[in-house]
């Protein structure tokens, strides 16, 4: 099935209070997508990701606001957007693919 999952895109807000910087992630958008598991070996072989986190591969319609470094919330867990690819070449569908790693 396609677009059965929902992730909540979050953006970082930094607040400076008397020289002390605090960081908070705020929910900014809801994205309908397809989330699939991805094993660590495939993450390394295909994308060069070498940390020991859990990974997810996300497919969404083109034009979603995935950006590397953003966080998303999925199944009550925080995930970091590690890689974003726009698939709009001949022979591929017009979608966005993102690789997420679990924030520990």
C-alpha atoms as a PDB file:
ATOM      1  CA  UNK A   1       0.000   0.000   0.000  1.00  0.00           C
ATOM      2  CA  UNK A   2       1.030   3.599  -0.506  1.00  0.00           C
ATOM      3  CA  UNK A   3       0.807   6.549   1.914  1.00  0.00           C
ATOM      4  CA  UNK A   4      -0.540   4.488   4.809  1.00  0.00           C
ATOM      5  CA  UNK A   5       1.822   5.914   7.432  1.00  0.00           C
ATOM      6  CA  UNK A   6       2.122   9.347   9.023  1.00  0.00           C
ATOM      7  CA  UNK A   7       5.231  11.125  10.251  1.00  0.00           C
ATOM      8  CA  UNK A   8       5.305  14.477  11.997  1.00  0.00           C
ATOM      9  CA  UNK A   9       8.016  16.758  10.664  1.00  0.00           C
ATOM     10  CA  UNK A  10       9.739  18.771  13.378  1.00  0.00           C
ATOM     11  CA  UNK A  11      12.003  21.793  13.181  1.00  0.00           C
ATOM     12  CA  UNK A  12      14.597  22.981  15.661  1.00  0.00           C
ATOM     13  CA  UNK A  13      14.063  26.122  17.712  1.00  0.00           C
ATOM     14  CA  UNK A  14      17.034  27.537  19.642  1.00  0.00           C
ATOM     15  CA  UNK A  15      16.446  29.945  22.502  1.00  0.00           C
ATOM     16  CA  UNK A  16      19.203  32.045  24.044  1.00  0.00           C
ATOM     17  CA  UNK A  17      18.501  32.853  27.689  1.00  0.00           C
ATOM     18  CA  UNK A  18      21.348  34.839  29.223  1.00  0.00           C
ATOM     19  CA  UNK A  19      23.973  33.000  27.187  1.00  0.00           C
ATOM     20  CA  UNK A  20      22.481  29.561  27.766  1.00  0.00           C
ATOM     21  CA  UNK A  21      21.168  28.042  24.542  1.00  0.00           C
ATOM     22  CA  UNK A  22      18.280  25.609  24.822  1.00  0.00           C
ATOM     23  CA  UNK A  23      17.076  23.508  21.898  1.00  0.00           C
ATOM     24  CA  UNK A  24      13.530  22.303  21.362  1.00  0.00           C
ATOM     25  CA  UNK A  25      11.936  20.451  18.462  1.00  0.00           C
ATOM     26  CA  UNK A  26       8.509  21.696  17.435  1.00  0.00           C
ATOM     27  CA  UNK A  27       6.011  19.930  15.242  1.00  0.00           C
ATOM     28  CA  UNK A  28       5.630  21.758  11.946  1.00  0.00           C
ATOM     29  CA  UNK A  29       3.865  19.450   9.469  1.00  0.00           C
ATOM     30  CA  UNK A  30       2.134  16.119   9.086  1.00  0.00           C
ATOM     31  CA  UNK A  31       3.339  14.016   6.145  1.00  0.00           C
ATOM     32  CA  UNK A  32       1.452  11.046   4.696  1.00  0.00           C
ATOM     33  CA  UNK A  33       4.014   8.523   3.511  1.00  0.00           C
ATOM     34  CA  UNK A  34       5.109   4.896   3.335  1.00  0.00           C
ATOM     35  CA  UNK A  35       7.614   3.897   6.053  1.00  0.00           C
ATOM     36  CA  UNK A  36       9.661   0.720   5.600  1.00  0.00           C
ATOM     37  CA  UNK A  37      12.274  -0.911   7.826  1.00  0.00           C
ATOM     38  CA  UNK A  38      15.882  -0.859   6.661  1.00  0.00           C
ATOM     39  CA  UNK A  39      18.679  -3.011   8.039  1.00  0.00           C
ATOM     40  CA  UNK A  40      22.080  -1.643   9.035  1.00  0.00           C
ATOM     41  CA  UNK A  41      23.980  -3.598   6.380  1.00  0.00           C
ATOM     42  CA  UNK A  42      21.860  -2.117   3.580  1.00  0.00           C
ATOM     43  CA  UNK A  43      22.216   1.383   5.072  1.00  0.00           C
ATOM     44  CA  UNK A  44      25.993   0.940   4.974  1.00  0.00           C
ATOM     45  CA  UNK A  45      26.225  -0.683   1.514  1.00  0.00           C
ATOM     46  CA  UNK A  46      23.841   1.654  -0.286  1.00  0.00           C
ATOM     47  CA  UNK A  47      24.326   4.947   1.573  1.00  0.00           C
ATOM     48  CA  UNK A  48      27.549   4.681   3.621  1.00  0.00           C
ATOM     49  CA  UNK A  49      25.816   5.116   6.996  1.00  0.00           C
ATOM     50  CA  UNK A  50      28.063   3.549   9.621  1.00  0.00           C
ATOM     51  CA  UNK A  51      26.493   4.287  13.005  1.00  0.00           C
ATOM     52  CA  UNK A  52      24.667   1.597  14.962  1.00  0.00           C
ATOM     53  CA  UNK A  53      21.194   3.160  14.937  1.00  0.00           C
ATOM     54  CA  UNK A  54      17.962   1.677  13.661  1.00  0.00           C
ATOM     55  CA  UNK A  55      16.954   2.913  10.206  1.00  0.00           C
ATOM     56  CA  UNK A  56      13.747   3.519   8.281  1.00  0.00           C
ATOM     57  CA  UNK A  57      13.253   4.318   4.610  1.00  0.00           C
ATOM     58  CA  UNK A  58      10.403   6.734   3.869  1.00  0.00           C
ATOM     59  CA  UNK A  59       8.655   7.335   0.547  1.00  0.00           C
ATOM     60  CA  UNK A  60       6.414  10.395   0.137  1.00  0.00           C
ATOM     61  CA  UNK A  61       5.017  12.484  -2.678  1.00  0.00           C
ATOM     62  CA  UNK A  62       7.430  14.935  -4.204  1.00  0.00           C
ATOM     63  CA  UNK A  63       7.469  18.382  -2.650  1.00  0.00           C
ATOM     64  CA  UNK A  64       7.372  17.276   0.984  1.00  0.00           C
ATOM     65  CA  UNK A  65       9.564  19.299   3.308  1.00  0.00           C
ATOM     66  CA  UNK A  66      12.052  16.611   4.297  1.00  0.00           C
ATOM     67  CA  UNK A  67      15.467  18.190   4.857  1.00  0.00           C
ATOM     68  CA  UNK A  68      18.640  16.571   6.134  1.00  0.00           C
ATOM     69  CA  UNK A  69      19.094  17.402   9.808  1.00  0.00           C
ATOM     70  CA  UNK A  70      15.394  17.749  10.566  1.00  0.00           C
ATOM     71  CA  UNK A  71      13.704  15.358  12.941  1.00  0.00           C
ATOM     72  CA  UNK A  72      10.442  13.502  12.539  1.00  0.00           C
ATOM     73  CA  UNK A  73       8.251  11.727  15.025  1.00  0.00           C
ATOM     74  CA  UNK A  74       7.021   8.276  13.999  1.00  0.00           C
ATOM     75  CA  UNK A  75       5.410   5.688  16.309  1.00  0.00           C
ATOM     76  CA  UNK A  76       6.239   7.852  19.355  1.00  0.00           C
ATOM     77  CA  UNK A  77       9.971   7.811  18.568  1.00  0.00           C
ATOM     78  CA  UNK A  78      12.257  10.572  17.318  1.00  0.00           C
ATOM     79  CA  UNK A  79      14.033  10.002  13.990  1.00  0.00           C
ATOM     80  CA  UNK A  80      16.719  12.120  12.331  1.00  0.00           C
ATOM     81  CA  UNK A  81      16.490  12.752   8.571  1.00  0.00           C
ATOM     82  CA  UNK A  82      19.878  11.563   7.312  1.00  0.00           C
ATOM     83  CA  UNK A  83      19.462  11.570   3.537  1.00  0.00           C
ATOM     84  CA  UNK A  84      16.873  12.953   1.104  1.00  0.00           C
ATOM     85  CA  UNK A  85      16.600  12.057  -2.580  1.00  0.00           C
ATOM     86  CA  UNK A  86      14.111  13.483  -5.052  1.00  0.00           C
ATOM     87  CA  UNK A  87      13.075  10.828  -7.553  1.00  0.00           C
ATOM     88  CA  UNK A  88      12.036  12.706 -10.679  1.00  0.00           C
ATOM     89  CA  UNK A  89      14.229  11.082 -13.326  1.00  0.00           C
ATOM     90  CA  UNK A  90      12.937   9.231 -16.347  1.00  0.00           C
ATOM     91  CA  UNK A  91      12.057   5.704 -15.290  1.00  0.00           C
ATOM     92  CA  UNK A  92      11.434   6.655 -11.661  1.00  0.00           C
ATOM     93  CA  UNK A  93       8.305   7.970 -10.044  1.00  0.00           C
ATOM     94  CA  UNK A  94       7.953  11.554  -8.848  1.00  0.00           C
ATOM     95  CA  UNK A  95       8.505  10.936  -5.159  1.00  0.00           C
ATOM     96  CA  UNK A  96      10.809  11.832  -2.310  1.00  0.00           C
ATOM     97  CA  UNK A  97      12.799   9.132  -0.524  1.00  0.00           C
ATOM     98  CA  UNK A  98      14.312   9.818   2.896  1.00  0.00           C
ATOM     99  CA  UNK A  99      16.501   7.718   5.187  1.00  0.00           C
ATOM    100  CA  UNK A 100      15.820   8.148   8.912  1.00  0.00           C
ATOM    101  CA  UNK A 101      17.937   7.025  11.864  1.00  0.00           C
ATOM    102  CA  UNK A 102      16.521   6.648  15.345  1.00  0.00           C
ATOM    103  CA  UNK A 103      17.515   9.341  17.822  1.00  0.00           C
ATOM    104  CA  UNK A 104      18.872   7.613  20.931  1.00  0.00           C
END
